[in-house]
Amino acid sequence: GLFDEVFNGYPGYEDIEFGMRLWSRGNYLVYVPSAIGIHQENDVITLEQRLQGRERNLQILYSKAPPGFRLFRKTIGKNL
């Protein structure tokens, strides 16, 4: 039940889907100001490949997200 492997190999949105799955099962994310997160960037792929992967994963996310999620993202100015 961790990250959905359908996102494997492409960057972007797997963390949002994971968070939505946790929330839908009654889990909560708690903001901890002193927490430190380290994000390891992938410097093996090009910017074009990264953008293509993000678009692919965004469509997967939309197919898994609750109804209204696409409109919510558009409302907050997140088209991609």
C-alpha atoms as a PDB file:
ATOM      1  CA  GLY A   1       0.000   0.000   0.000  1.00  0.00           C
ATOM      2  CA  LEU A   2       2.794   2.502  -0.579  1.00  0.00           C
ATOM      3  CA  PHE A   3       3.357   4.407  -3.814  1.00  0.00           C
ATOM      4  CA  ASP A   4       1.272   3.106  -6.706  1.00  0.00           C
ATOM      5  CA  GLU A   5       3.618   1.346  -9.133  1.00  0.00           C
ATOM      6  CA  VAL A   6       1.621   2.516 -12.145  1.00  0.00           C
ATOM      7  CA  PHE A   7       3.505   5.818 -11.704  1.00  0.00           C
ATOM      8  CA  ASN A   8       6.867   3.979 -11.731  1.00  0.00           C
ATOM      9  CA  GLY A   9       9.511   5.450 -13.984  1.00  0.00           C
ATOM     10  CA  TYR A  10       7.827   8.794 -14.553  1.00  0.00           C
ATOM     11  CA  PRO A  11       8.167  11.896 -12.362  1.00  0.00           C
ATOM     12  CA  GLY A  12       5.317  13.749 -10.744  1.00  0.00           C
ATOM     13  CA  TYR A  13       2.006  13.386  -8.920  1.00  0.00           C
ATOM     14  CA  GLU A  14       2.636   9.991  -7.310  1.00  0.00           C
ATOM     15  CA  ASP A  15       2.944  11.768  -3.964  1.00  0.00           C
ATOM     16  CA  ILE A  16      -0.428  13.509  -4.382  1.00  0.00           C
ATOM     17  CA  GLU A  17      -2.126  10.224  -5.221  1.00  0.00           C
ATOM     18  CA  PHE A  18      -0.467   8.586  -2.212  1.00  0.00           C
ATOM     19  CA  GLY A  19      -1.649  11.391   0.071  1.00  0.00           C
ATOM     20  CA  MET A  20      -5.205  11.164  -1.269  1.00  0.00           C
ATOM     21  CA  ARG A  21      -5.213   7.412  -0.634  1.00  0.00           C
ATOM     22  CA  LEU A  22      -3.996   7.907   2.933  1.00  0.00           C
ATOM     23  CA  TRP A  23      -6.633  10.576   3.569  1.00  0.00           C
ATOM     24  CA  SER A  24      -9.433   8.441   2.084  1.00  0.00           C
ATOM     25  CA  ARG A  25      -8.501   5.691   4.573  1.00  0.00           C
ATOM     26  CA  GLY A  26      -8.832   8.027   7.541  1.00  0.00           C
ATOM     27  CA  ASN A  27      -5.193   9.045   7.947  1.00  0.00           C
ATOM     28  CA  TYR A  28      -4.175  12.640   8.483  1.00  0.00           C
ATOM     29  CA  LEU A  29      -1.096  14.558   7.448  1.00  0.00           C
ATOM     30  CA  VAL A  30       0.190  16.779  10.222  1.00  0.00           C
ATOM     31  CA  TYR A  31       2.219  19.909   9.516  1.00  0.00           C
ATOM     32  CA  VAL A  32       5.439  19.889  11.531  1.00  0.00           C
ATOM     33  CA  PRO A  33       7.392  23.131  11.003  1.00  0.00           C
ATOM     34  CA  SER A  34      10.664  21.631  12.250  1.00  0.00           C
ATOM     35  CA  ALA A  35      10.499  18.635   9.891  1.00  0.00           C
ATOM     36  CA  ILE A  36      13.056  18.488   7.104  1.00  0.00           C
ATOM     37  CA  GLY A  37      12.316  16.870   3.762  1.00  0.00           C
ATOM     38  CA  ILE A  38      14.985  16.000   1.247  1.00  0.00           C
ATOM     39  CA  HIS A  39      13.979  15.626  -2.384  1.00  0.00           C
ATOM     40  CA  GLN A  40      16.446  13.908  -4.660  1.00  0.00           C
ATOM     41  CA  GLU A  41      16.190  15.278  -8.179  1.00  0.00           C
ATOM     42  CA  ASN A  42      16.684  13.062 -11.191  1.00  0.00           C
ATOM     43  CA  ASP A  43      19.374  14.553 -13.417  1.00  0.00           C
ATOM     44  CA  VAL A  44      19.373  11.617 -15.852  1.00  0.00           C
ATOM     45  CA  ILE A  45      16.336  12.698 -17.877  1.00  0.00           C
ATOM     46  CA  THR A  46      15.881  15.874 -19.894  1.00  0.00           C
ATOM     47  CA  LEU A  47      13.432  18.648 -19.081  1.00  0.00           C
ATOM     48  CA  GLU A  48      11.293  17.547 -22.034  1.00  0.00           C
ATOM     49  CA  GLN A  49      11.167  13.965 -20.715  1.00  0.00           C
ATOM     50  CA  ARG A  50      10.268  15.279 -17.254  1.00  0.00           C
ATOM     51  CA  LEU A  51       7.391  17.359 -18.640  1.00  0.00           C
ATOM     52  CA  GLN A  52       6.106  14.445 -20.726  1.00  0.00           C
ATOM     53  CA  GLY A  53       6.217  12.184 -17.667  1.00  0.00           C
ATOM     54  CA  ARG A  54       4.390  14.750 -15.557  1.00  0.00           C
ATOM     55  CA  GLU A  55       1.623  15.022 -18.163  1.00  0.00           C
ATOM     56  CA  ARG A  56       1.315  11.228 -18.274  1.00  0.00           C
ATOM     57  CA  ASN A  57       1.134  10.988 -14.490  1.00  0.00           C
ATOM     58  CA  LEU A  58      -1.329  13.873 -14.246  1.00  0.00           C
ATOM     59  CA  GLN A  59      -3.749  11.949 -16.457  1.00  0.00           C
ATOM     60  CA  ILE A  60      -3.270   8.861 -14.259  1.00  0.00           C
ATOM     61  CA  LEU A  61      -3.892  10.992 -11.171  1.00  0.00           C
ATOM     62  CA  TYR A  62      -7.101  12.388 -12.675  1.00  0.00           C
ATOM     63  CA  SER A  63      -8.314   8.849 -13.395  1.00  0.00           C
ATOM     64  CA  LYS A  64      -7.730   7.857  -9.749  1.00  0.00           C
ATOM     65  CA  ALA A  65      -8.831  11.071  -8.016  1.00  0.00           C
ATOM     66  CA  PRO A  66     -12.315  11.783  -6.693  1.00  0.00           C
ATOM     67  CA  PRO A  67     -14.768  13.616  -8.955  1.00  0.00           C
ATOM     68  CA  GLY A  68     -14.108  17.344  -8.896  1.00  0.00           C
ATOM     69  CA  PHE A  69     -10.348  17.072  -8.394  1.00  0.00           C
ATOM     70  CA  ARG A  70      -9.573  18.374 -11.904  1.00  0.00           C
ATOM     71  CA  LEU A  71     -11.851  21.392 -11.342  1.00  0.00           C
ATOM     72  CA  PHE A  72     -10.252  21.994  -7.922  1.00  0.00           C
ATOM     73  CA  ARG A  73      -6.765  22.089  -9.493  1.00  0.00           C
ATOM     74  CA  LYS A  74      -7.974  24.464 -12.195  1.00  0.00           C
ATOM     75  CA  THR A  75      -9.585  26.706  -9.555  1.00  0.00           C
ATOM     76  CA  ILE A  76      -6.298  27.042  -7.655  1.00  0.00           C
ATOM     77  CA  GLY A  77      -4.364  27.738 -10.867  1.00  0.00           C
ATOM     78  CA  LYS A  78      -2.698  24.325 -11.221  1.00  0.00           C
ATOM     79  CA  ASN A  79      -3.276  23.259 -14.816  1.00  0.00           C
ATOM     80  CA  LEU A  80      -0.177  21.066 -14.893  1.00  0.00           C
END
